[in-house]
Protein backbone atom coordinates (compact mmCIF):
# COMPACT_ATOMS: atom_id res chain seq x y z
CA UNK A 1 10.28 71.05 123.45
CA UNK A 2 10.55 67.50 121.82
CA UNK A 3 13.45 66.35 119.94
CA UNK A 4 11.43 66.63 116.62
CA UNK A 5 10.72 70.20 117.29
CA UNK A 6 14.29 71.09 118.10
CA UNK A 7 15.56 69.66 114.75
CA UNK A 8 12.93 71.72 113.00
CA UNK A 9 13.86 74.65 114.86
CA UNK A 10 17.75 74.17 113.95
CA UNK A 11 19.70 77.13 112.98
CA UNK A 12 21.46 77.50 109.48
CA UNK A 13 23.89 80.18 110.29
CA UNK A 14 25.17 80.37 106.71
CA UNK A 15 21.65 81.06 105.43
CA UNK A 16 21.06 83.65 108.17
CA UNK A 17 24.36 85.14 107.30
CA UNK A 18 23.46 85.41 103.63
CA UNK A 19 20.01 87.34 104.69
CA UNK A 20 22.03 89.62 106.94
CA UNK A 21 24.96 90.67 104.64
CA UNK A 22 23.77 90.18 101.03
CA UNK A 23 25.93 91.35 98.53
CA UNK A 24 28.67 92.05 101.47
CA UNK A 25 29.33 88.24 101.48
CA UNK A 26 30.55 88.04 97.94
CA UNK A 27 34.61 87.95 98.28
CA UNK A 28 35.38 90.80 96.22
CA UNK A 29 32.95 93.15 98.16
CA UNK A 30 33.78 91.64 101.46
CA UNK A 31 37.64 92.42 100.83
CA UNK A 32 37.33 96.05 99.94
CA UNK A 33 34.58 96.52 102.65
CA UNK A 34 37.02 95.40 105.22
CA UNK A 35 39.62 97.84 103.93
CA UNK A 36 37.34 100.79 103.66
CA UNK A 37 35.74 100.33 107.33
CA UNK A 38 38.24 98.20 109.01
CA UNK A 39 37.35 96.90 112.59
CA UNK A 40 39.72 99.66 114.01
CA UNK A 41 37.24 102.07 113.02
CA UNK A 42 34.63 100.67 115.92
CA UNK A 43 37.22 102.26 118.55
CA UNK A 44 37.52 105.95 119.35
CA UNK A 45 40.83 107.03 121.02
CA UNK A 46 40.04 108.83 124.24
CA UNK A 47 40.70 112.31 125.07
CA UNK A 48 39.68 113.78 121.62
CA UNK A 49 38.64 117.16 121.43
CA UNK A 50 35.22 117.77 119.71
CA UNK A 51 37.50 119.07 116.52
CA UNK A 52 39.70 116.19 116.60
CA UNK A 53 37.03 113.66 116.74
CA UNK A 54 35.60 115.29 113.66
CA UNK A 55 39.03 115.47 111.87
CA UNK A 56 39.15 112.00 112.52
CA UNK A 57 35.87 111.10 111.12
CA UNK A 58 36.74 112.72 107.81
CA UNK A 59 39.80 110.93 107.83
CA UNK A 60 38.33 107.86 108.06
CA UNK A 61 35.58 108.71 105.41
CA UNK A 62 38.71 109.50 103.03
CA UNK A 63 40.17 106.07 103.60
CA UNK A 64 36.86 104.22 102.99
CA UNK A 65 36.12 106.45 99.57
CA UNK A 66 39.54 105.82 98.32
CA UNK A 67 39.05 101.98 98.98
CA UNK A 68 35.45 101.58 97.75
CA UNK A 69 34.46 101.46 94.26
CA UNK A 70 34.01 104.77 92.27
CA UNK A 71 30.69 106.77 93.15
CA UNK A 72 28.98 106.11 89.96
CA UNK A 73 29.38 102.59 90.72
CA UNK A 74 28.12 102.56 94.24
CA UNK A 75 25.33 104.83 93.32
CA UNK A 76 24.30 102.45 90.53
CA UNK A 77 24.39 99.45 93.03
CA UNK A 78 21.97 100.34 96.11
CA UNK A 79 23.01 96.80 97.82
CA UNK A 80 26.50 97.46 97.74
CA UNK A 81 26.42 101.05 98.56
CA UNK A 82 24.08 100.01 101.67
CA UNK A 83 26.62 97.51 102.54
CA UNK A 84 29.32 100.20 103.19
CA UNK A 85 26.73 102.35 104.78
CA UNK A 86 25.70 99.71 106.96
CA UNK A 87 29.26 98.82 108.22
CA UNK A 88 29.70 102.56 108.76
CA UNK A 89 26.95 103.00 111.12
CA UNK A 90 27.95 99.78 113.06
CA UNK A 91 31.50 101.28 113.47
CA UNK A 92 30.71 104.76 114.13
CA UNK A 93 27.31 106.47 113.38
CA UNK A 94 29.04 110.04 112.78
CA UNK A 95 30.93 108.12 109.79
CA UNK A 96 27.65 107.01 108.54
CA UNK A 97 26.10 110.59 108.58
CA UNK A 98 28.89 112.14 106.74
CA UNK A 99 29.35 109.30 104.21
CA UNK A 100 25.55 109.46 103.57
CA UNK A 101 25.65 113.12 102.95
CA UNK A 102 28.78 112.76 100.71
CA UNK A 103 27.83 110.26 98.48
CA UNK A 104 23.72 110.41 98.27
CA UNK A 105 23.22 114.09 98.73
CA UNK A 106 26.30 115.95 97.28
CA UNK A 107 27.37 113.39 94.57
CA UNK A 108 24.03 111.88 93.86
CA UNK A 109 22.57 115.32 92.53
CA UNK A 110 25.61 115.98 90.61
CA UNK A 111 25.31 112.46 88.90
CA UNK A 112 21.44 112.49 88.55
CA UNK A 113 21.07 116.23 87.55
CA UNK A 114 24.20 117.36 86.28
CA UNK A 115 24.98 117.96 82.70
CA UNK A 116 27.68 115.33 81.58
CA UNK A 117 29.59 117.37 79.23
CA UNK A 118 29.51 120.72 80.86
CA UNK A 119 28.61 119.84 84.63
CA UNK A 120 30.67 120.83 87.66
CA UNK A 121 33.52 118.83 86.66
CA UNK A 122 36.12 119.85 88.72
CA UNK A 123 33.74 119.65 91.93
CA UNK A 124 33.06 116.34 91.01
CA UNK A 125 36.67 115.22 90.66
CA UNK A 126 37.28 116.49 94.12
CA UNK A 127 34.39 114.81 95.80
CA UNK A 128 35.20 111.41 93.99
CA UNK A 129 38.55 111.49 94.86
CA UNK A 130 38.10 112.40 98.44
CA UNK A 131 39.95 115.81 98.15
CA UNK A 132 36.88 117.56 99.40
CA UNK A 133 33.94 116.32 101.22
CA UNK A 134 30.21 116.68 100.28
CA UNK A 135 27.68 118.52 102.36
CA UNK A 136 24.04 119.49 101.85
CA UNK A 137 22.42 123.03 102.25
CA UNK A 138 18.80 122.18 102.38
CA UNK A 139 16.67 122.82 105.42
CA UNK A 140 16.50 126.63 106.54
CA UNK A 141 16.67 127.45 110.26
CA UNK A 142 13.91 129.89 110.53
CA UNK A 143 11.06 128.36 109.07
CA UNK A 144 9.29 124.92 109.37
CA UNK A 145 8.52 122.72 106.41
CA UNK A 146 11.11 125.06 104.37
CA UNK A 147 11.78 122.31 101.95
CA UNK A 148 8.47 123.22 100.00
CA UNK A 149 9.63 126.83 99.42
CA UNK A 150 13.15 127.49 100.38
CA UNK A 151 13.81 131.20 100.58
CA UNK A 152 17.27 130.96 99.53
CA UNK A 153 17.27 132.33 96.03
CA UNK A 154 19.15 131.70 92.83
CA UNK A 155 19.35 134.61 90.42
CA UNK A 156 21.00 134.39 86.68
CA UNK A 157 23.26 137.39 86.00
CA UNK A 158 23.00 137.46 82.39
CA UNK A 159 26.07 140.03 82.15
CA UNK A 160 28.45 137.37 83.78
CA UNK A 161 26.58 133.95 82.90
CA UNK A 162 26.81 133.18 86.76
CA UNK A 163 24.09 132.61 89.23
CA UNK A 164 24.03 134.59 92.37
CA UNK A 165 22.78 132.60 95.56
CA UNK A 166 21.43 134.68 98.13
CA UNK A 167 20.02 134.04 101.79
CA UNK A 168 17.59 137.06 102.13
CA UNK A 169 18.02 137.04 106.01
CA UNK A 170 19.26 135.01 109.23
CA UNK A 171 16.14 133.05 109.00
CA UNK A 172 17.06 131.67 105.74
CA UNK A 173 20.46 130.30 106.79
CA UNK A 174 21.02 126.64 105.94
CA UNK A 175 21.20 124.44 109.18
CA UNK A 176 22.01 121.88 110.02
CA UNK A 177 25.22 121.59 107.90
CA UNK A 178 28.32 119.79 108.53
CA UNK A 179 30.64 122.69 107.59
CA UNK A 180 32.11 124.02 110.57
CA UNK A 181 35.61 122.14 110.71
CA UNK A 182 38.30 124.96 109.58
CA UNK A 183 40.41 122.54 107.90
CA UNK A 184 38.17 120.31 105.91
CA UNK A 185 37.45 121.12 102.34
CA UNK A 186 33.60 121.47 101.84
CA UNK A 187 31.63 121.32 98.73
CA UNK A 188 27.89 121.68 99.03
CA UNK A 189 24.60 120.86 97.19
CA UNK A 190 22.66 123.88 97.73
CA UNK A 191 18.70 123.61 97.29
CA UNK A 192 17.67 127.17 95.92
CA UNK A 193 14.44 128.82 94.70
CA UNK A 194 15.17 130.11 91.17
CA UNK A 195 14.09 133.44 90.60
CA UNK A 196 13.83 134.51 86.97
CA UNK A 197 12.15 137.51 85.12
CA UNK A 198 10.72 138.52 88.34
CA UNK A 199 8.89 134.98 89.11
CA UNK A 200 9.83 132.02 91.14
CA UNK A 201 10.39 129.02 88.74
CA UNK A 202 11.18 126.08 91.31
CA UNK A 203 13.65 124.63 93.41
CA UNK A 204 16.72 123.79 91.93
CA UNK A 205 20.12 122.20 93.08
CA UNK A 206 23.43 124.47 92.80
CA UNK A 207 27.06 123.11 93.74
CA UNK A 208 28.91 125.48 95.86
CA UNK A 209 32.58 125.19 97.18
CA UNK A 210 32.17 126.44 100.65
CA UNK A 211 35.75 125.90 102.21
CA UNK A 212 39.17 124.63 100.96
CA UNK A 213 41.59 122.55 102.57
CA UNK A 214 43.61 125.67 104.20
CA UNK A 215 40.09 126.78 105.72
CA UNK A 216 39.62 129.77 103.14
CA UNK A 217 35.93 130.39 102.72
CA UNK A 218 35.01 132.10 99.35
CA UNK A 219 33.56 135.55 99.43
CA UNK A 220 29.62 135.45 99.56
CA UNK A 221 29.82 132.48 102.32
CA UNK A 222 29.29 133.05 106.03
CA UNK A 223 29.62 129.71 108.21
CA UNK A 224 28.55 130.18 111.94
CA UNK A 225 29.79 127.24 113.98
CA UNK A 226 26.84 125.49 116.04
CA UNK A 227 27.93 124.48 119.80
CA UNK A 228 29.13 121.14 120.28
CA UNK A 229 26.73 118.26 120.13
CA UNK A 230 27.15 114.72 121.39
CA UNK A 231 24.12 113.20 119.88
CA UNK A 232 25.56 112.74 116.43
CA UNK A 233 29.08 114.39 116.88
CA UNK A 234 29.70 116.17 113.57
CA UNK A 235 30.94 119.63 112.61
CA UNK A 236 27.23 121.45 112.56
CA UNK A 237 27.14 125.00 111.36
CA UNK A 238 24.70 127.45 109.80
CA UNK A 239 25.54 128.59 106.30
CA UNK A 240 24.36 132.14 104.85
CA UNK A 241 25.12 132.83 101.29
CA UNK A 242 25.56 136.47 100.71
CA UNK A 243 25.97 136.83 97.04
CA UNK A 244 27.64 133.77 96.32
CA UNK A 245 28.61 133.70 92.57
CA UNK A 246 28.68 130.24 91.05
CA UNK A 247 29.01 129.57 87.32
CA UNK A 248 26.35 128.22 84.89
CA UNK A 249 27.68 125.07 85.05
CA UNK A 250 27.14 124.87 88.78
CA UNK A 251 23.57 124.59 87.88
CA UNK A 252 22.28 121.22 88.24
CA UNK A 253 19.76 121.89 85.83
CA UNK A 254 18.19 118.33 84.84
CA UNK A 255 17.40 119.35 81.43
CA UNK A 256 16.33 123.09 82.19
CA UNK A 257 18.11 125.93 80.31
CA UNK A 258 18.22 129.47 79.95
CA UNK A 259 19.09 130.71 76.31
CA UNK A 260 20.84 133.67 74.96
CA UNK A 261 17.69 135.91 75.18
CA UNK A 262 17.52 135.03 78.80
CA UNK A 263 14.42 132.62 78.41
CA UNK A 264 14.22 129.67 80.77
CA UNK A 265 12.80 126.53 79.40
CA UNK A 266 12.14 123.75 82.18
CA UNK A 267 10.83 120.37 80.92
CA UNK A 268 9.49 119.62 84.38
CA UNK A 269 6.52 121.77 83.23
CA UNK A 270 5.90 124.05 86.68
CA UNK A 271 7.72 124.82 89.96
CA UNK A 272 5.59 122.17 91.69
CA UNK A 273 6.86 119.34 89.43
CA UNK A 274 10.18 121.04 89.58
CA UNK A 275 10.30 120.50 93.51
CA UNK A 276 9.20 116.96 93.01
CA UNK A 277 12.22 116.19 90.51
CA UNK A 278 14.85 117.79 92.63
CA UNK A 279 13.89 116.15 95.74
CA UNK A 280 14.12 112.88 93.62
CA UNK A 281 17.46 112.01 94.96
CA UNK A 282 15.81 111.11 98.27
CA UNK A 283 15.15 107.28 97.60
CA UNK A 284 18.86 106.38 97.91
CA UNK A 285 18.86 108.18 101.24
CA UNK A 286 16.01 106.18 102.66
CA UNK A 287 17.06 102.98 101.44
CA UNK A 288 20.41 103.62 103.15
CA UNK A 289 18.60 104.87 106.60
CA UNK A 290 16.45 101.81 106.40
CA UNK A 291 19.65 99.90 106.08
CA UNK A 292 21.57 101.42 108.64
CA UNK A 293 18.19 101.25 111.13
CA UNK A 294 18.78 97.49 110.62
CA UNK A 295 22.27 97.53 111.12
CA UNK A 296 22.31 99.35 114.43
CA UNK A 297 19.45 97.30 115.63
CA UNK A 298 21.59 94.33 115.19
CA UNK A 299 24.66 95.65 116.75
CA UNK A 300 22.39 96.99 119.62
CA UNK A 301 20.96 93.46 120.17
CA UNK A 302 24.14 91.82 119.86
CA UNK A 303 25.68 94.02 122.50
CA UNK A 304 22.44 93.41 125.01
CA UNK A 305 23.20 89.52 124.38
CA UNK A 306 26.85 89.88 125.30
CA UNK A 307 26.01 91.73 128.37
CA UNK A 308 23.42 89.21 129.25
CA UNK A 309 24.67 85.81 128.37
CA UNK A 310 26.25 83.90 131.04
CA UNK A 311 25.57 86.69 133.62
CA UNK A 312 24.30 85.68 137.13
CA UNK A 313 21.98 87.50 139.55
CA UNK A 314 21.83 87.50 143.11
CA UNK A 315 18.00 88.17 143.43
CA UNK A 316 16.78 86.57 146.60
CA UNK A 317 13.97 84.62 144.74
CA UNK A 318 16.84 82.67 143.40
CA UNK A 319 20.43 83.47 143.94
CA UNK A 320 22.78 82.72 140.96
CA UNK A 321 20.02 82.25 138.55
CA UNK A 322 21.09 83.57 134.90
CA UNK A 323 20.04 87.10 133.92
CA UNK A 324 18.06 85.61 130.99
CA UNK A 325 16.21 83.36 133.10
CA UNK A 326 14.29 86.40 134.23
CA UNK A 327 11.44 86.85 131.72
CA UNK A 328 11.73 90.69 131.41
CA UNK A 329 15.48 90.23 130.26
CA UNK A 330 14.89 87.31 128.05
CA UNK A 331 12.14 89.04 126.35
CA UNK A 332 14.17 92.01 125.86
CA UNK A 333 16.95 90.21 124.23
CA UNK A 334 14.85 88.17 122.06
CA UNK A 335 12.50 90.85 120.95
CA UNK A 336 15.87 93.04 120.04
CA UNK A 337 16.88 90.06 117.99
CA UNK A 338 13.67 89.74 116.36
CA UNK A 339 13.38 93.18 115.61
CA UNK A 340 16.94 93.26 113.90
CA UNK A 341 15.90 90.25 111.88
CA UNK A 342 12.70 92.19 110.67
CA UNK A 343 14.16 95.46 109.74
CA UNK A 344 17.10 93.33 107.97
CA UNK A 345 14.14 91.75 106.01
CA UNK A 346 12.54 95.06 104.99
CA UNK A 347 16.15 96.81 104.28
CA UNK A 348 16.83 93.81 102.02
CA UNK A 349 13.44 94.85 100.55
CA UNK A 350 14.20 98.46 99.76
CA UNK A 351 17.50 97.63 98.42
CA UNK A 352 16.55 97.10 94.93
CA UNK A 353 16.52 100.05 92.55
CA UNK A 354 12.55 100.45 93.48
CA UNK A 355 10.91 98.74 96.37
CA UNK A 356 8.54 96.05 95.15
CA UNK A 357 4.91 96.71 94.52
CA UNK A 358 3.43 98.65 97.57
CA UNK A 359 1.09 97.39 100.11
CA UNK A 360 -1.03 100.35 99.93
CA UNK A 361 -0.60 101.58 96.43
CA UNK A 362 -2.72 100.98 93.11
CA UNK A 363 0.11 101.71 90.58
CA UNK A 364 3.74 100.88 89.87
CA UNK A 365 4.88 103.89 90.88
CA UNK A 366 4.37 103.19 94.63
CA UNK A 367 2.87 106.11 95.63
CA UNK A 368 4.84 108.62 93.56
CA UNK A 369 2.93 111.49 92.13
CA UNK A 370 0.77 111.69 95.61
CA UNK A 371 -0.17 115.54 96.46
CA UNK A 372 1.35 116.67 99.75
CA UNK A 373 0.69 119.60 102.15
CA UNK A 374 3.60 119.20 104.62
CA UNK A 375 6.60 118.15 102.92
CA UNK A 376 7.72 117.07 99.32
CA UNK A 377 8.80 113.51 100.42
CA UNK A 378 5.51 111.48 99.59
CA UNK A 379 5.44 113.20 96.31
CA UNK A 380 8.67 111.33 95.46
CA UNK A 381 8.22 107.82 96.79
CA UNK A 382 5.07 107.60 99.45
CA UNK A 383 5.89 104.10 100.48
CA UNK A 384 9.68 104.26 100.66
CA UNK A 385 9.42 107.33 102.63
CA UNK A 386 6.99 105.80 104.80
CA UNK A 387 9.25 102.75 105.56
CA UNK A 388 11.95 104.98 106.57
CA UNK A 389 9.75 106.65 109.11
CA UNK A 390 8.54 103.14 110.52
CA UNK A 391 12.14 101.71 110.42
CA UNK A 392 13.65 104.47 112.23
CA UNK A 393 11.01 104.68 114.88
CA UNK A 394 11.51 100.69 115.39
CA UNK A 395 15.02 101.17 115.70
CA UNK A 396 15.26 104.05 117.95
CA UNK A 397 12.84 102.15 120.38
CA UNK A 398 14.81 98.92 120.10
CA UNK A 399 18.13 100.64 120.44
CA UNK A 400 16.76 102.34 123.76
CA UNK A 401 15.52 99.06 124.88
CA UNK A 402 18.75 97.50 124.60
CA UNK A 403 20.53 100.43 126.34
CA UNK A 404 18.03 100.23 129.61
CA UNK A 405 18.47 96.21 129.54
CA UNK A 406 22.26 96.89 129.50
CA UNK A 407 22.10 98.58 133.05
CA UNK A 408 24.78 101.34 134.03
CA UNK A 409 27.52 99.64 131.98
CA UNK A 410 25.36 100.07 128.88
CA UNK A 411 25.46 103.88 129.53
CA UNK A 412 28.77 104.34 131.01
CA UNK A 413 31.11 101.76 130.11
CA UNK A 414 30.91 102.25 126.18
CA UNK A 415 29.31 104.89 124.17
CA UNK A 416 28.06 102.55 121.39
CA UNK A 417 24.55 102.24 122.60
CA UNK A 418 24.33 105.92 123.40
CA UNK A 419 25.58 106.68 119.62
CA UNK A 420 23.35 103.96 118.19
CA UNK A 421 20.51 105.74 119.74
CA UNK A 422 21.56 109.18 118.66
CA UNK A 423 21.87 108.10 115.25
CA UNK A 424 18.11 106.68 115.26
CA UNK A 425 16.79 109.43 116.96
CA UNK A 426 18.62 111.73 114.59
CA UNK A 427 16.87 110.28 111.38
CA UNK A 428 13.37 110.59 113.09
CA UNK A 429 13.74 114.16 111.75
CA UNK A 430 16.79 113.97 109.21
CA UNK A 431 16.29 112.56 105.77
CA UNK A 432 12.78 113.43 105.89
CA UNK A 433 10.86 114.26 109.05
CA UNK A 434 8.79 111.29 109.96
CA UNK A 435 5.91 113.25 111.52
CA UNK A 436 5.39 115.32 107.98
CA UNK A 437 5.72 111.99 106.19
CA UNK A 438 3.13 110.43 108.31
CA UNK A 439 0.79 113.53 107.75
CA UNK A 440 1.26 113.47 103.99
CA UNK A 441 0.76 109.61 103.77
CA UNK A 442 -2.71 110.23 105.94
CA UNK A 443 -3.71 112.60 103.57
CA UNK A 444 -3.34 110.38 100.75
CA UNK A 445 -5.00 107.75 102.28
CA UNK A 446 -8.16 109.68 103.51
CA UNK A 447 -8.37 110.87 99.48
CA UNK A 448 -7.76 107.49 98.36
CA UNK A 449 -4.92 109.04 96.32
CA UNK A 450 -2.66 106.44 94.88
CA UNK A 451 -3.94 104.11 97.97
CA UNK A 452 -5.98 101.17 98.17
CA UNK A 453 -7.65 99.81 101.58
CA UNK A 454 -6.48 96.41 102.54
CA UNK A 455 -9.38 93.88 101.86
CA UNK A 456 -11.55 93.15 104.99
CA UNK A 457 -10.71 90.08 106.67
CA UNK A 458 -12.40 88.80 109.69
CA UNK A 459 -10.34 89.03 112.77
CA UNK A 460 -11.34 86.33 115.30
CA UNK A 461 -12.49 87.03 118.37
CA UNK A 462 -13.40 85.38 121.69
CA UNK A 463 -11.89 82.05 122.50
CA UNK A 464 -9.03 81.08 120.28
CA UNK A 465 -5.65 79.25 121.07
CA UNK A 466 -3.06 81.81 121.85
CA UNK A 467 -0.68 80.15 119.31
CA UNK A 468 -2.85 81.83 116.63
CA UNK A 469 -1.38 85.08 117.38
CA UNK A 470 1.94 83.95 115.68
CA UNK A 471 0.41 82.92 112.62
CA UNK A 472 0.90 85.49 109.53
CA UNK A 473 -2.99 85.47 108.42
CA UNK A 474 -3.81 86.31 112.34
CA UNK A 475 -1.20 89.27 112.42
CA UNK A 476 -1.65 90.52 108.70
CA UNK A 477 -5.49 90.51 109.36
CA UNK A 478 -5.48 92.47 112.44
CA UNK A 479 -2.98 95.00 110.78
CA UNK A 480 -5.43 95.40 107.88
CA UNK A 481 -8.41 95.71 110.13
CA UNK A 482 -7.14 98.64 112.24
CA UNK A 483 -5.65 100.57 109.30
CA UNK A 484 -9.26 100.39 107.62
CA UNK A 485 -11.12 101.56 110.54
CA UNK A 486 -8.60 104.27 111.10
CA UNK A 487 -8.63 105.41 107.62
CA UNK A 488 -12.41 105.52 107.32
CA UNK A 489 -12.62 107.45 110.54
CA UNK A 490 -9.89 109.91 109.40
CA UNK A 491 -11.82 110.38 106.10
CA UNK A 492 -15.13 110.66 107.67
CA UNK A 493 -14.05 113.34 110.61
CA UNK A 494 -12.09 115.47 107.84
CA UNK A 495 -15.10 115.48 105.13
CA UNK A 496 -17.48 116.24 108.06
CA UNK A 497 -15.57 119.15 109.07
CA UNK A 498 -15.18 120.34 105.40
CA UNK A 499 -18.93 120.05 104.76
CA UNK A 500 -19.58 122.16 107.96
CA UNK A 501 -17.36 124.98 106.49
CA UNK A 502 -13.90 124.31 107.95
CA UNK A 503 -10.92 125.40 105.85
CA UNK A 504 -8.58 122.64 105.16
CA UNK A 505 -6.19 123.86 107.62
CA UNK A 506 -8.77 123.28 110.61
CA UNK A 507 -10.05 120.21 109.18
CA UNK A 508 -6.71 118.39 109.38
CA UNK A 509 -5.44 120.17 112.24
CA UNK A 510 -7.88 118.89 114.52
CA UNK A 511 -7.12 115.45 113.32
CA UNK A 512 -3.59 115.22 113.20
CA UNK A 513 -3.20 112.79 116.20
CA UNK A 514 -5.67 110.40 114.40
CA UNK A 515 -3.82 111.04 110.99
CA UNK A 516 -0.48 110.11 112.71
CA UNK A 517 -1.84 106.83 113.91
CA UNK A 518 -3.58 106.10 110.36
CA UNK A 519 -0.12 106.45 108.46
CA UNK A 520 1.61 104.59 111.17
CA UNK A 521 -0.77 101.59 110.75
CA UNK A 522 -0.04 101.43 106.95
CA UNK A 523 3.52 101.42 107.84
CA UNK A 524 3.24 98.65 110.25
CA UNK A 525 1.13 96.76 107.59
CA UNK A 526 3.67 97.06 104.93
CA UNK A 527 6.44 95.86 107.34
CA UNK A 528 4.46 92.94 108.52
CA UNK A 529 3.76 91.90 104.87
CA UNK A 530 7.01 92.39 103.77
CA UNK A 531 8.22 89.85 106.68
CA UNK A 532 5.44 87.43 105.96
CA UNK A 533 6.07 87.39 102.39
CA UNK A 534 9.91 86.81 102.77
CA UNK A 535 9.93 84.53 105.45
CA UNK A 536 6.68 82.59 104.61
CA UNK A 537 8.79 79.45 103.21
CA UNK A 538 11.62 80.04 105.15
CA UNK A 539 13.07 78.11 108.13
CA UNK A 540 11.23 77.51 111.05
CA UNK A 541 13.55 79.78 113.59
CA UNK A 542 12.92 82.83 111.05
CA UNK A 543 9.31 82.07 110.90
CA UNK A 544 9.52 81.96 114.85
CA UNK A 545 11.20 85.10 115.01
CA UNK A 546 8.68 86.88 112.69
CA UNK A 547 6.05 85.64 115.01
CA UNK A 548 7.88 87.15 118.27
CA UNK A 549 8.09 90.40 116.30
CA UNK A 550 4.45 90.51 115.45
CA UNK A 551 3.55 89.70 119.10
CA UNK A 552 5.71 92.63 120.06
CA UNK A 553 3.93 94.72 117.36
CA UNK A 554 0.61 93.68 119.35
CA UNK A 555 1.66 94.77 122.69
CA UNK A 556 3.26 98.07 121.18
CA UNK A 557 -0.05 99.01 119.52
CA UNK A 558 -2.60 97.38 122.00
CA UNK A 559 -4.26 100.81 122.73
CA UNK A 560 -5.31 101.15 119.00
CA UNK A 561 -6.09 97.68 118.42
CA UNK A 562 -8.17 97.85 121.45
CA UNK A 563 -9.74 101.46 120.86
CA UNK A 564 -10.69 100.27 117.23
CA UNK A 565 -12.14 96.98 118.38
CA UNK A 566 -9.70 95.19 116.57
CA UNK A 567 -8.76 93.09 119.39
CA UNK A 568 -11.06 92.20 122.49
CA UNK A 569 -10.38 92.54 126.44
CA UNK A 570 -7.62 90.27 127.28
CA UNK A 571 -5.29 90.81 124.43
CA UNK A 572 -2.30 91.47 126.36
CA UNK A 573 -2.56 88.43 128.59
CA UNK A 574 -2.88 86.44 125.33
CA UNK A 575 0.25 88.28 124.13
CA UNK A 576 2.15 87.75 127.06
CA UNK A 577 1.19 83.90 127.17
CA UNK A 578 2.23 83.36 123.57
CA UNK A 579 5.58 85.45 123.77
CA UNK A 580 6.55 82.98 126.65
CA UNK A 581 6.24 79.93 124.84
CA UNK A 582 7.88 81.54 121.55
CA UNK A 583 10.72 82.67 123.74
CA UNK A 584 11.12 79.29 125.35
CA UNK A 585 11.44 78.09 121.69
CA UNK A 586 14.05 80.69 120.84
CA UNK A 587 16.07 80.88 123.62
CA UNK A 588 18.47 78.01 122.91
CA UNK A 589 19.41 79.50 119.65
CA UNK A 590 19.88 83.01 120.62
CA UNK A 591 23.55 82.59 120.32
CA UNK A 592 23.66 81.43 116.94
CA UNK A 593 21.15 84.00 115.70
CA UNK A 594 23.12 86.75 117.21
CA UNK A 595 26.40 84.83 115.74
CA UNK A 596 24.98 85.37 112.10
CA UNK A 597 25.20 88.97 112.59
CA UNK A 598 29.03 88.99 112.30
CA UNK A 599 29.83 91.75 114.65
CA UNK A 600 33.22 93.12 114.97
CA UNK A 601 35.61 91.86 118.00
CA UNK A 602 35.43 94.83 119.60
CA UNK A 603 31.80 94.16 120.28
CA UNK A 604 31.42 92.53 123.53
CA UNK A 605 29.67 93.11 126.89
CA UNK A 606 29.56 96.70 127.46
CA UNK A 607 31.59 96.31 130.83
CA UNK A 608 34.15 93.66 129.15
CA UNK A 609 37.16 96.22 129.69
CA UNK A 610 36.60 95.93 133.69
CA UNK A 611 37.52 92.45 133.70
CA UNK A 612 40.31 92.46 131.07
CA UNK A 613 38.49 90.80 128.48
């Protein structure tokens, strides 16, 4: 690379830090963040029992909550809330998980759906002061897709003015919930089907105390501890509600009411619409999960870089060569850094109160209102749910790659990479199962329901310079073409099956693999579009990172690109040649690119403690 090209590729670390941290760089925000989640949270004492580990997590959550702004202020500012949650995810994934539940899934529904004058004020005050911790009772253990029709019932007792919450059998128990610790006060947001006048009236949220700080569980609550888990170590338990009575004010009724004559009035207009409204707390969760996916990918990439930089090898081809001279390691490091920046750009995109206009949607509602068959999430915000699925999948794959390329020290000398992988793996299902999000997205695509296909753009075939692969026009054309072809084939297959007399289940069940690929293609194009638009006029180093990320995408999706005829034979050879050149350009700047992540001092090579560093 000549001197002029080097000058163009210079790294503006301050600019990169602004991209990475956003509002967290503001002095006032930075000060309370450092107090809420100090660097000491990145280290766990050795020898803790599972219960002691969980208790420490809740003590840290209490400290964070008392240092942070009030919950209503946080929930009104997605950028600041995500900054807190990102910092927690980097320090300790278990802390991120319980913090997310506390703010977005317990306090969130109270603030969104509760009556300001007569809502559950005492429970809200306890949660805001960290005298109790919030949890969620939504998924039921015995049936899949349980969000669509929870069997947990809420019945109004006119004689007492209370609601009675009932799990009709063990299959309706709520699991997983973080409710097992015997000395941690828990208050739950309970999703239950309101049964009134002999009919089901939709899914509502109710607030219920499950345990106080002395370990007392109220009548009507049975908590069964789950076995210890190391993947994302929190206090899992199943909860059955056996006639738990809660006051009328515990009903987060969102404008609904039951009058003195026992008549239920609900402005939602019906059970399906009520389900969508009650699930409307999901967007803050998805923004936080996308942001945390970016954060742990940055931390994993930084850990891999620390392991690799300056490390020599003894391979007989070239003894004493730096580890990063080997293409496989260099490409793993820089590929992880590129994925981290790509996810960071996507996270910045979604941190507003709404994502910007969707890549695939026709309306300002970003896919809201889309019919769903497998889960309620696409009816809330299809594109944001899809970005959550895409971000968690990329984070899980990248963190796993960093773990593998850190060798034995990455597995045994620190649990950090294992913990990040556990968090990413957990959120493939948590926060809306990725597979179900993909299926509902594909169904909307096939039906052209709030979906517009990308325009047809010719993808060059035959001989062209490999360098064109890193140009946004090329990777956006490829992404659009593969999405169009998959969508058209899916729609044709389903329509043909239906015309031949197949029931909807059979028509779709025979095409779920294609449906998953089709929705994944839309998610890919959305992320690539966000990246291209955000970095199109940005500094050369970020444009080059975007190109590397696009090459990694091509390799990851080579099977589909070839199967759909978007790319011809020899694609991978082209990708590999282009990637070598891009990595050669980026390698001299790797340390600066990682430095902009501002990772805690505790983050070094996984085996640094062996050398006493």
